[in-house]
Amino acid sequence: MKTVKYNNLDYELVKEYKDGFDVDEFNEAIRETDYFNEFDYIFGDYSYGKLRLKGFYDSKNKKVKKINDIKDLDNYIKTFCSYECKYFLLKRPKNEK
């Protein structure tokens, strides 16, 4: 299991496509922001040579909406990501909310 530290929590790398996770690029993109603290997942994809990040919630989270429900991740990838782009998915530790 591969993990990455974000805001003193060890997020688990649960999905990676085409070696899509680069810890240095992730740290550069997410530095100095606490925006993703509330999300259960952080999804990153590379479109047009740039890393883009999006937060998703577990389907049982009371804050979930259709646009950020993790069960719709595959649809999000097909609709909003570049074709065959590399990407990754990080999951927040369950005991940390």
PDB file of N, CA and C in Angstrom:
ATOM      1  N   MET A   1       0.846  -1.188   0.000  1.00  0.00           N
ATOM      2  CA  MET A   1       0.000   0.000   0.000  1.00  0.00           C
ATOM      3  C   MET A   1       0.887   1.245   0.000  1.00  0.00           C
ATOM      4  N   LYS A   2       0.657   2.095  -0.941  1.00  0.00           N
ATOM      5  CA  LYS A   2       1.394   3.347  -1.063  1.00  0.00           C
ATOM      6  C   LYS A   2       0.592   4.456  -0.389  1.00  0.00           C
ATOM      7  N   THR A   3       1.265   5.284   0.393  1.00  0.00           N
ATOM      8  CA  THR A   3       0.588   6.386   1.068  1.00  0.00           C
ATOM      9  C   THR A   3       1.297   7.697   0.772  1.00  0.00           C
ATOM     10  N   VAL A   4       0.545   8.789   0.961  1.00  0.00           N
ATOM     11  CA  VAL A   4       1.099  10.126   0.805  1.00  0.00           C
ATOM     12  C   VAL A   4       0.556  10.974   1.946  1.00  0.00           C
ATOM     13  N   LYS A   5       1.389  11.817   2.484  1.00  0.00           N
ATOM     14  CA  LYS A   5       0.987  12.667   3.597  1.00  0.00           C
ATOM     15  C   LYS A   5       0.435  13.987   3.058  1.00  0.00           C
ATOM     16  N   TYR A   6      -0.755  14.338   3.540  1.00  0.00           N
ATOM     17  CA  TYR A   6      -1.385  15.625   3.220  1.00  0.00           C
ATOM     18  C   TYR A   6      -2.036  16.111   4.499  1.00  0.00           C
ATOM     19  N   ASN A   7      -1.677  17.298   4.940  1.00  0.00           N
ATOM     20  CA  ASN A   7      -2.184  17.883   6.189  1.00  0.00           C
ATOM     21  C   ASN A   7      -2.070  16.907   7.364  1.00  0.00           C
ATOM     22  N   ASN A   8      -0.896  16.325   7.475  1.00  0.00           N
ATOM     23  CA  ASN A   8      -0.549  15.409   8.572  1.00  0.00           C
ATOM     24  C   ASN A   8      -1.377  14.130   8.615  1.00  0.00           C
ATOM     25  N   LEU A   9      -2.020  13.769   7.526  1.00  0.00           N
ATOM     26  CA  LEU A   9      -2.747  12.503   7.414  1.00  0.00           C
ATOM     27  C   LEU A   9      -2.100  11.669   6.312  1.00  0.00           C
ATOM     28  N   ASP A  10      -2.093  10.354   6.488  1.00  0.00           N
ATOM     29  CA  ASP A  10      -1.556   9.453   5.481  1.00  0.00           C
ATOM     30  C   ASP A  10      -2.680   8.967   4.581  1.00  0.00           C
ATOM     31  N   TYR A  11      -2.775   9.553   3.387  1.00  0.00           N
ATOM     32  CA  TYR A  11      -3.772   9.146   2.404  1.00  0.00           C
ATOM     33  C   TYR A  11      -3.262   7.906   1.670  1.00  0.00           C
ATOM     34  N   GLU A  12      -4.178   6.993   1.388  1.00  0.00           N
ATOM     35  CA  GLU A  12      -3.835   5.764   0.688  1.00  0.00           C
ATOM     36  C   GLU A  12      -4.055   5.941  -0.812  1.00  0.00           C
ATOM     37  N   LEU A  13      -3.076   5.528  -1.597  1.00  0.00           N
ATOM     38  CA  LEU A  13      -3.214   5.530  -3.049  1.00  0.00           C
ATOM     39  C   LEU A  13      -4.016   4.293  -3.424  1.00  0.00           C
ATOM     40  N   VAL A  14      -5.303   4.480  -3.768  1.00  0.00           N
ATOM     41  CA  VAL A  14      -6.182   3.342  -4.025  1.00  0.00           C
ATOM     42  C   VAL A  14      -6.353   3.027  -5.502  1.00  0.00           C
ATOM     43  N   LYS A  15      -6.001   3.973  -6.355  1.00  0.00           N
ATOM     44  CA  LYS A  15      -6.137   3.744  -7.791  1.00  0.00           C
ATOM     45  C   LYS A  15      -5.097   4.592  -8.502  1.00  0.00           C
ATOM     46  N   GLU A  16      -4.466   3.992  -9.495  1.00  0.00           N
ATOM     47  CA  GLU A  16      -3.470   4.711 -10.287  1.00  0.00           C
ATOM     48  C   GLU A  16      -3.512   4.151 -11.700  1.00  0.00           C
ATOM     49  N   TYR A  17      -3.544   5.029 -12.673  1.00  0.00           N
ATOM     50  CA  TYR A  17      -3.597   4.615 -14.067  1.00  0.00           C
ATOM     51  C   TYR A  17      -2.428   5.239 -14.806  1.00  0.00           C
ATOM     52  N   LYS A  18      -1.673   4.413 -15.512  1.00  0.00           N
ATOM     53  CA  LYS A  18      -0.506   4.850 -16.284  1.00  0.00           C
ATOM     54  C   LYS A  18       0.538   5.542 -15.407  1.00  0.00           C
ATOM     55  N   ASP A  19       0.812   4.981 -14.245  1.00  0.00           N
ATOM     56  CA  ASP A  19       1.768   5.595 -13.307  1.00  0.00           C
ATOM     57  C   ASP A  19       1.435   7.062 -13.080  1.00  0.00           C
ATOM     58  N   GLY A  20       0.162   7.317 -12.817  1.00  0.00           N
ATOM     59  CA  GLY A  20      -0.346   8.679 -12.732  1.00  0.00           C
ATOM     60  C   GLY A  20       0.002   9.459 -11.486  1.00  0.00           C
ATOM     61  N   PHE A  21       0.580   8.808 -10.478  1.00  0.00           N
ATOM     62  CA  PHE A  21       0.858   9.544  -9.247  1.00  0.00           C
ATOM     63  C   PHE A  21       2.330   9.919  -9.150  1.00  0.00           C
ATOM     64  N   ASP A  22       2.576  11.206  -9.017  1.00  0.00           N
ATOM     65  CA  ASP A  22       3.921  11.740  -8.798  1.00  0.00           C
ATOM     66  C   ASP A  22       3.850  12.595  -7.535  1.00  0.00           C
ATOM     67  N   VAL A  23       4.501  12.146  -6.482  1.00  0.00           N
ATOM     68  CA  VAL A  23       4.390  12.820  -5.189  1.00  0.00           C
ATOM     69  C   VAL A  23       4.855  14.272  -5.252  1.00  0.00           C
ATOM     70  N   ASP A  24       5.889  14.559  -6.018  1.00  0.00           N
ATOM     71  CA  ASP A  24       6.385  15.937  -6.113  1.00  0.00           C
ATOM     72  C   ASP A  24       5.373  16.851  -6.805  1.00  0.00           C
ATOM     73  N   GLU A  25       4.779  16.366  -7.887  1.00  0.00           N
ATOM     74  CA  GLU A  25       3.772  17.171  -8.584  1.00  0.00           C
ATOM     75  C   GLU A  25       2.527  17.355  -7.719  1.00  0.00           C
ATOM     76  N   PHE A  26       2.143  16.309  -6.998  1.00  0.00           N
ATOM     77  CA  PHE A  26       0.996  16.407  -6.093  1.00  0.00           C
ATOM     78  C   PHE A  26       1.265  17.460  -5.016  1.00  0.00           C
ATOM     79  N   ASN A  27       2.403  17.375  -4.379  1.00  0.00           N
ATOM     80  CA  ASN A  27       2.747  18.336  -3.325  1.00  0.00           C
ATOM     81  C   ASN A  27       2.795  19.765  -3.855  1.00  0.00           C
ATOM     82  N   GLU A  28       3.291  19.946  -5.047  1.00  0.00           N
ATOM     83  CA  GLU A  28       3.339  21.283  -5.651  1.00  0.00           C
ATOM     84  C   GLU A  28       1.930  21.813  -5.924  1.00  0.00           C
ATOM     85  N   ALA A  29       1.046  20.946  -6.404  1.00  0.00           N
ATOM     86  CA  ALA A  29      -0.310  21.367  -6.755  1.00  0.00           C
ATOM     87  C   ALA A  29      -1.164  21.647  -5.522  1.00  0.00           C
ATOM     88  N   ILE A  30      -0.916  20.934  -4.445  1.00  0.00           N
ATOM     89  CA  ILE A  30      -1.810  21.026  -3.290  1.00  0.00           C
ATOM     90  C   ILE A  30      -1.252  21.901  -2.161  1.00  0.00           C
ATOM     91  N   ARG A  31      -0.033  22.334  -2.298  1.00  0.00           N
ATOM     92  CA  ARG A  31       0.607  23.087  -1.212  1.00  0.00           C
ATOM     93  C   ARG A  31      -0.196  24.326  -0.831  1.00  0.00           C
ATOM     94  N   GLU A  32      -0.111  24.630   0.423  1.00  0.00           N
ATOM     95  CA  GLU A  32      -0.720  25.841   0.972  1.00  0.00           C
ATOM     96  C   GLU A  32      -2.231  25.937   0.765  1.00  0.00           C
ATOM     97  N   THR A  33      -2.905  24.814   0.726  1.00  0.00           N
ATOM     98  CA  THR A  33      -4.359  24.847   0.658  1.00  0.00           C
ATOM     99  C   THR A  33      -4.939  23.801   1.604  1.00  0.00           C
ATOM    100  N   ASP A  34      -6.037  24.139   2.200  1.00  0.00           N
ATOM    101  CA  ASP A  34      -6.729  23.163   3.027  1.00  0.00           C
ATOM    102  C   ASP A  34      -8.086  22.811   2.406  1.00  0.00           C
ATOM    103  N   TYR A  35      -8.275  23.196   1.165  1.00  0.00           N
ATOM    104  CA  TYR A  35      -9.532  22.976   0.453  1.00  0.00           C
ATOM    105  C   TYR A  35      -9.970  21.509   0.483  1.00  0.00           C
ATOM    106  N   PHE A  36      -9.027  20.600   0.343  1.00  0.00           N
ATOM    107  CA  PHE A  36      -9.362  19.180   0.217  1.00  0.00           C
ATOM    108  C   PHE A  36      -9.533  18.476   1.559  1.00  0.00           C
ATOM    109  N   ASN A  37      -9.391  19.192   2.660  1.00  0.00           N
ATOM    110  CA  ASN A  37      -9.499  18.587   3.997  1.00  0.00           C
ATOM    111  C   ASN A  37     -10.818  17.859   4.223  1.00  0.00           C
ATOM    112  N   GLU A  38     -11.906  18.383   3.728  1.00  0.00           N
ATOM    113  CA  GLU A  38     -13.215  17.814   4.030  1.00  0.00           C
ATOM    114  C   GLU A  38     -13.584  16.621   3.161  1.00  0.00           C
ATOM    115  N   PHE A  39     -12.881  16.401   2.071  1.00  0.00           N
ATOM    116  CA  PHE A  39     -13.237  15.332   1.134  1.00  0.00           C
ATOM    117  C   PHE A  39     -12.691  13.985   1.578  1.00  0.00           C
ATOM    118  N   ASP A  40     -13.422  12.922   1.232  1.00  0.00           N
ATOM    119  CA  ASP A  40     -12.999  11.559   1.533  1.00  0.00           C
ATOM    120  C   ASP A  40     -11.956  11.053   0.536  1.00  0.00           C
ATOM    121  N   TYR A  41     -11.961  11.631  -0.667  1.00  0.00           N
ATOM    122  CA  TYR A  41     -11.040  11.231  -1.723  1.00  0.00           C
ATOM    123  C   TYR A  41     -10.489  12.465  -2.426  1.00  0.00           C
ATOM    124  N   ILE A  42      -9.265  12.335  -2.923  1.00  0.00           N
ATOM    125  CA  ILE A  42      -8.681  13.350  -3.794  1.00  0.00           C
ATOM    126  C   ILE A  42      -8.320  12.654  -5.098  1.00  0.00           C
ATOM    127  N   PHE A  43      -8.896  13.136  -6.183  1.00  0.00           N
ATOM    128  CA  PHE A  43      -8.646  12.573  -7.506  1.00  0.00           C
ATOM    129  C   PHE A  43      -7.761  13.546  -8.270  1.00  0.00           C
ATOM    130  N   GLY A  44      -6.764  13.021  -8.950  1.00  0.00           N
ATOM    131  CA  GLY A  44      -5.887  13.853  -9.770  1.00  0.00           C
ATOM    132  C   GLY A  44      -5.764  13.282 -11.160  1.00  0.00           C
ATOM    133  N   ASP A  45      -5.864  14.152 -12.169  1.00  0.00           N
ATOM    134  CA  ASP A  45      -5.665  13.715 -13.555  1.00  0.00           C
ATOM    135  C   ASP A  45      -4.791  14.732 -14.272  1.00  0.00           C
ATOM    136  N   TYR A  46      -4.142  14.256 -15.316  1.00  0.00           N
ATOM    137  CA  TYR A  46      -3.261  15.109 -16.107  1.00  0.00           C
ATOM    138  C   TYR A  46      -3.936  15.397 -17.444  1.00  0.00           C
ATOM    139  N   SER A  47      -4.310  16.630 -17.640  1.00  0.00           N
ATOM    140  CA  SER A  47      -4.900  17.060 -18.904  1.00  0.00           C
ATOM    141  C   SER A  47      -4.090  18.235 -19.424  1.00  0.00           C
ATOM    142  N   TYR A  48      -3.727  18.148 -20.672  1.00  0.00           N
ATOM    143  CA  TYR A  48      -2.952  19.204 -21.322  1.00  0.00           C
ATOM    144  C   TYR A  48      -1.669  19.519 -20.558  1.00  0.00           C
ATOM    145  N   GLY A  49      -1.035  18.447 -20.035  1.00  0.00           N
ATOM    146  CA  GLY A  49       0.246  18.586 -19.366  1.00  0.00           C
ATOM    147  C   GLY A  49       0.192  19.180 -17.968  1.00  0.00           C
ATOM    148  N   LYS A  50      -1.003  19.304 -17.411  1.00  0.00           N
ATOM    149  CA  LYS A  50      -1.144  19.914 -16.091  1.00  0.00           C
ATOM    150  C   LYS A  50      -1.936  18.989 -15.158  1.00  0.00           C
ATOM    151  N   LEU A  51      -1.506  18.921 -13.894  1.00  0.00           N
ATOM    152  CA  LEU A  51      -2.219  18.138 -12.899  1.00  0.00           C
ATOM    153  C   LEU A  51      -3.431  18.914 -12.405  1.00  0.00           C
ATOM    154  N   ARG A  52      -4.598  18.262 -12.475  1.00  0.00           N
ATOM    155  CA  ARG A  52      -5.834  18.855 -11.964  1.00  0.00           C
ATOM    156  C   ARG A  52      -6.305  17.998 -10.798  1.00  0.00           C
ATOM    157  N   LEU A  53      -6.822  18.639  -9.745  1.00  0.00           N
ATOM    158  CA  LEU A  53      -7.290  17.924  -8.563  1.00  0.00           C
ATOM    159  C   LEU A  53      -8.773  18.177  -8.339  1.00  0.00           C
ATOM    160  N   LYS A  54      -9.468  17.154  -7.843  1.00  0.00           N
ATOM    161  CA  LYS A  54     -10.891  17.279  -7.528  1.00  0.00           C
ATOM    162  C   LYS A  54     -11.189  16.428  -6.292  1.00  0.00           C
ATOM    163  N   GLY A  55     -12.026  16.947  -5.412  1.00  0.00           N
ATOM    164  CA  GLY A  55     -12.429  16.221  -4.220  1.00  0.00           C
ATOM    165  C   GLY A  55     -13.714  15.443  -4.450  1.00  0.00           C
ATOM    166  N   PHE A  56     -13.781  14.257  -3.858  1.00  0.00           N
ATOM    167  CA  PHE A  56     -14.968  13.413  -3.915  1.00  0.00           C
ATOM    168  C   PHE A  56     -15.325  12.961  -2.508  1.00  0.00           C
ATOM    169  N   TYR A  57     -16.615  12.679  -2.305  1.00  0.00           N
ATOM    170  CA  TYR A  57     -17.105  12.149  -1.039  1.00  0.00           C
ATOM    171  C   TYR A  57     -17.506  10.695  -1.199  1.00  0.00           C
ATOM    172  N   ASP A  58     -17.432   9.955  -0.109  1.00  0.00           N
ATOM    173  CA  ASP A  58     -17.997   8.626  -0.051  1.00  0.00           C
ATOM    174  C   ASP A  58     -19.510   8.764  -0.246  1.00  0.00           C
ATOM    175  N   SER A  59     -20.135   7.803  -0.860  1.00  0.00           N
ATOM    176  CA  SER A  59     -21.575   7.866  -1.147  1.00  0.00           C
ATOM    177  C   SER A  59     -22.423   8.010   0.107  1.00  0.00           C
ATOM    178  N   LYS A  60     -21.931   7.578   1.250  1.00  0.00           N
ATOM    179  CA  LYS A  60     -22.677   7.657   2.505  1.00  0.00           C
ATOM    180  C   LYS A  60     -22.436   8.955   3.267  1.00  0.00           C
ATOM    181  N   ASN A  61     -21.550   9.791   2.780  1.00  0.00           N
ATOM    182  CA  ASN A  61     -21.259  11.061   3.442  1.00  0.00           C
ATOM    183  C   ASN A  61     -22.441  12.010   3.268  1.00  0.00           C
ATOM    184  N   LYS A  62     -22.837  12.697   4.323  1.00  0.00           N
ATOM    185  CA  LYS A  62     -24.010  13.582   4.250  1.00  0.00           C
ATOM    186  C   LYS A  62     -23.776  14.798   3.351  1.00  0.00           C
ATOM    187  N   LYS A  63     -22.531  15.096   3.016  1.00  0.00           N
ATOM    188  CA  LYS A  63     -22.219  16.242   2.153  1.00  0.00           C
ATOM    189  C   LYS A  63     -22.220  15.888   0.663  1.00  0.00           C
ATOM    190  N   VAL A  64     -22.392  14.619   0.338  1.00  0.00           N
ATOM    191  CA  VAL A  64     -22.271  14.164  -1.043  1.00  0.00           C
ATOM    192  C   VAL A  64     -23.361  14.755  -1.934  1.00  0.00           C
ATOM    193  N   LYS A  65     -22.972  15.078  -3.154  1.00  0.00           N
ATOM    194  CA  LYS A  65     -23.882  15.497  -4.220  1.00  0.00           C
ATOM    195  C   LYS A  65     -23.495  14.677  -5.454  1.00  0.00           C
ATOM    196  N   LYS A  66     -24.340  14.643  -6.435  1.00  0.00           N
ATOM    197  CA  LYS A  66     -24.065  13.826  -7.622  1.00  0.00           C
ATOM    198  C   LYS A  66     -22.716  14.165  -8.255  1.00  0.00           C
ATOM    199  N   ILE A  67     -22.356  15.423  -8.282  1.00  0.00           N
ATOM    200  CA  ILE A  67     -21.129  15.852  -8.938  1.00  0.00           C
ATOM    201  C   ILE A  67     -19.860  15.405  -8.204  1.00  0.00           C
ATOM    202  N   ASN A  68     -19.974  15.086  -6.912  1.00  0.00           N
ATOM    203  CA  ASN A  68     -18.776  14.692  -6.175  1.00  0.00           C
ATOM    204  C   ASN A  68     -18.940  13.372  -5.419  1.00  0.00           C
ATOM    205  N   ASP A  69     -19.810  12.493  -5.935  1.00  0.00           N
ATOM    206  CA  ASP A  69     -20.024  11.170  -5.363  1.00  0.00           C
ATOM    207  C   ASP A  69     -19.002  10.202  -5.965  1.00  0.00           C
ATOM    208  N   ILE A  70     -18.243   9.548  -5.122  1.00  0.00           N
ATOM    209  CA  ILE A  70     -17.178   8.661  -5.604  1.00  0.00           C
ATOM    210  C   ILE A  70     -17.711   7.543  -6.488  1.00  0.00           C
ATOM    211  N   LYS A  71     -18.962   7.149  -6.321  1.00  0.00           N
ATOM    212  CA  LYS A  71     -19.513   6.076  -7.165  1.00  0.00           C
ATOM    213  C   LYS A  71     -19.630   6.516  -8.625  1.00  0.00           C
ATOM    214  N   ASP A  72     -19.582   7.817  -8.888  1.00  0.00           N
ATOM    215  CA  ASP A  72     -19.652   8.331 -10.254  1.00  0.00           C
ATOM    216  C   ASP A  72     -18.280   8.701 -10.819  1.00  0.00           C
ATOM    217  N   LEU A  73     -17.220   8.212 -10.185  1.00  0.00           N
ATOM    218  CA  LEU A  73     -15.867   8.555 -10.643  1.00  0.00           C
ATOM    219  C   LEU A  73     -15.618   8.127 -12.083  1.00  0.00           C
ATOM    220  N   ASP A  74     -16.029   6.922 -12.449  1.00  0.00           N
ATOM    221  CA  ASP A  74     -15.790   6.463 -13.830  1.00  0.00           C
ATOM    222  C   ASP A  74     -16.463   7.373 -14.843  1.00  0.00           C
ATOM    223  N   ASN A  75     -17.662   7.818 -14.546  1.00  0.00           N
ATOM    224  CA  ASN A  75     -18.356   8.749 -15.435  1.00  0.00           C
ATOM    225  C   ASN A  75     -17.617  10.087 -15.501  1.00  0.00           C
ATOM    226  N   TYR A  76     -17.123  10.566 -14.364  1.00  0.00           N
ATOM    227  CA  TYR A  76     -16.353  11.810 -14.338  1.00  0.00           C
ATOM    228  C   TYR A  76     -15.114  11.684 -15.232  1.00  0.00           C
ATOM    229  N   ILE A  77     -14.420  10.553 -15.127  1.00  0.00           N
ATOM    230  CA  ILE A  77     -13.218  10.343 -15.940  1.00  0.00           C
ATOM    231  C   ILE A  77     -13.565  10.375 -17.425  1.00  0.00           C
ATOM    232  N   LYS A  78     -14.629   9.684 -17.819  1.00  0.00           N
ATOM    233  CA  LYS A  78     -15.034   9.637 -19.228  1.00  0.00           C
ATOM    234  C   LYS A  78     -15.485  10.996 -19.738  1.00  0.00           C
ATOM    235  N   THR A  79     -16.134  11.779 -18.897  1.00  0.00           N
ATOM    236  CA  THR A  79     -16.733  13.037 -19.320  1.00  0.00           C
ATOM    237  C   THR A  79     -15.787  14.231 -19.232  1.00  0.00           C
ATOM    238  N   PHE A  80     -14.991  14.307 -18.188  1.00  0.00           N
ATOM    239  CA  PHE A  80     -14.229  15.522 -17.918  1.00  0.00           C
ATOM    240  C   PHE A  80     -12.715  15.398 -18.055  1.00  0.00           C
ATOM    241  N   CYS A  81     -12.203  14.201 -18.261  1.00  0.00           N
ATOM    242  CA  CYS A  81     -10.756  14.010 -18.365  1.00  0.00           C
ATOM    243  C   CYS A  81     -10.357  13.758 -19.818  1.00  0.00           C
ATOM    244  N   SER A  82      -9.131  14.096 -20.141  1.00  0.00           N
ATOM    245  CA  SER A  82      -8.610  13.816 -21.474  1.00  0.00           C
ATOM    246  C   SER A  82      -8.579  12.313 -21.708  1.00  0.00           C
ATOM    247  N   TYR A  83      -8.843  11.911 -22.921  1.00  0.00           N
ATOM    248  CA  TYR A  83      -8.870  10.501 -23.280  1.00  0.00           C
ATOM    249  C   TYR A  83      -7.535   9.831 -22.946  1.00  0.00           C
ATOM    250  N   GLU A  84      -7.605   8.720 -22.206  1.00  0.00           N
ATOM    251  CA  GLU A  84      -6.440   7.921 -21.842  1.00  0.00           C
ATOM    252  C   GLU A  84      -5.389   8.694 -21.028  1.00  0.00           C
ATOM    253  N   CYS A  85      -5.822   9.711 -20.308  1.00  0.00           N
ATOM    254  CA  CYS A  85      -4.876  10.459 -19.483  1.00  0.00           C
ATOM    255  C   CYS A  85      -4.474   9.629 -18.277  1.00  0.00           C
ATOM    256  N   LYS A  86      -3.338   9.967 -17.706  1.00  0.00           N
ATOM    257  CA  LYS A  86      -2.961   9.289 -16.473  1.00  0.00           C
ATOM    258  C   LYS A  86      -3.658   9.970 -15.306  1.00  0.00           C
ATOM    259  N   TYR A  87      -3.956   9.166 -14.275  1.00  0.00           N
ATOM    260  CA  TYR A  87      -4.671   9.708 -13.122  1.00  0.00           C
ATOM    261  C   TYR A  87      -4.404   8.864 -11.887  1.00  0.00           C
ATOM    262  N   PHE A  88      -4.874   9.370 -10.741  1.00  0.00           N
ATOM    263  CA  PHE A  88      -4.739   8.663  -9.480  1.00  0.00           C
ATOM    264  C   PHE A  88      -5.892   9.024  -8.555  1.00  0.00           C
ATOM    265  N   LEU A  89      -6.085   8.199  -7.524  1.00  0.00           N
ATOM    266  CA  LEU A  89      -7.111   8.437  -6.526  1.00  0.00           C
ATOM    267  C   LEU A  89      -6.525   8.159  -5.151  1.00  0.00           C
ATOM    268  N   LEU A  90      -6.621   9.144  -4.258  1.00  0.00           N
ATOM    269  CA  LEU A  90      -6.168   9.013  -2.874  1.00  0.00           C
ATOM    270  C   LEU A  90      -7.379   8.955  -1.958  1.00  0.00           C
ATOM    271  N   LYS A  91      -7.290   8.125  -0.930  1.00  0.00           N
ATOM    272  CA  LYS A  91      -8.382   7.973   0.024  1.00  0.00           C
ATOM    273  C   LYS A  91      -7.921   8.422   1.408  1.00  0.00           C
ATOM    274  N   ARG A  92      -8.753   9.240   2.051  1.00  0.00           N
ATOM    275  CA  ARG A  92      -8.465   9.714   3.395  1.00  0.00           C
ATOM    276  C   ARG A  92      -8.631   8.569   4.381  1.00  0.00           C
ATOM    277  N   PRO A  93      -7.800   8.533   5.412  1.00  0.00           N
ATOM    278  CA  PRO A  93      -7.973   7.502   6.439  1.00  0.00           C
ATOM    279  C   PRO A  93      -9.366   7.561   7.051  1.00  0.00           C
ATOM    280  N   LYS A  94     -10.023   6.425   7.222  1.00  0.00           N
ATOM    281  CA  LYS A  94     -11.406   6.391   7.729  1.00  0.00           C
ATOM    282  C   LYS A  94     -11.578   7.021   9.103  1.00  0.00           C
ATOM    283  N   ASN A  95     -10.604   6.846   9.960  1.00  0.00           N
ATOM    284  CA  ASN A  95     -10.741   7.361  11.325  1.00  0.00           C
ATOM    285  C   ASN A  95     -10.424   8.847  11.449  1.00  0.00           C
ATOM    286  N   GLU A  96     -10.145   9.510  10.353  1.00  0.00           N
ATOM    287  CA  GLU A  96      -9.808  10.943  10.371  1.00  0.00           C
ATOM    288  C   GLU A  96     -10.843  11.743   9.613  1.00  0.00           C
ATOM    289  N   LYS A  97     -11.685  12.472  10.317  1.00  0.00           N
ATOM    290  CA  LYS A  97     -12.695  13.325   9.660  1.00  0.00           C
ATOM    291  C   LYS A  97     -12.603  14.713  10.221  1.00  0.00           C
TER     292      LYS A  97
END
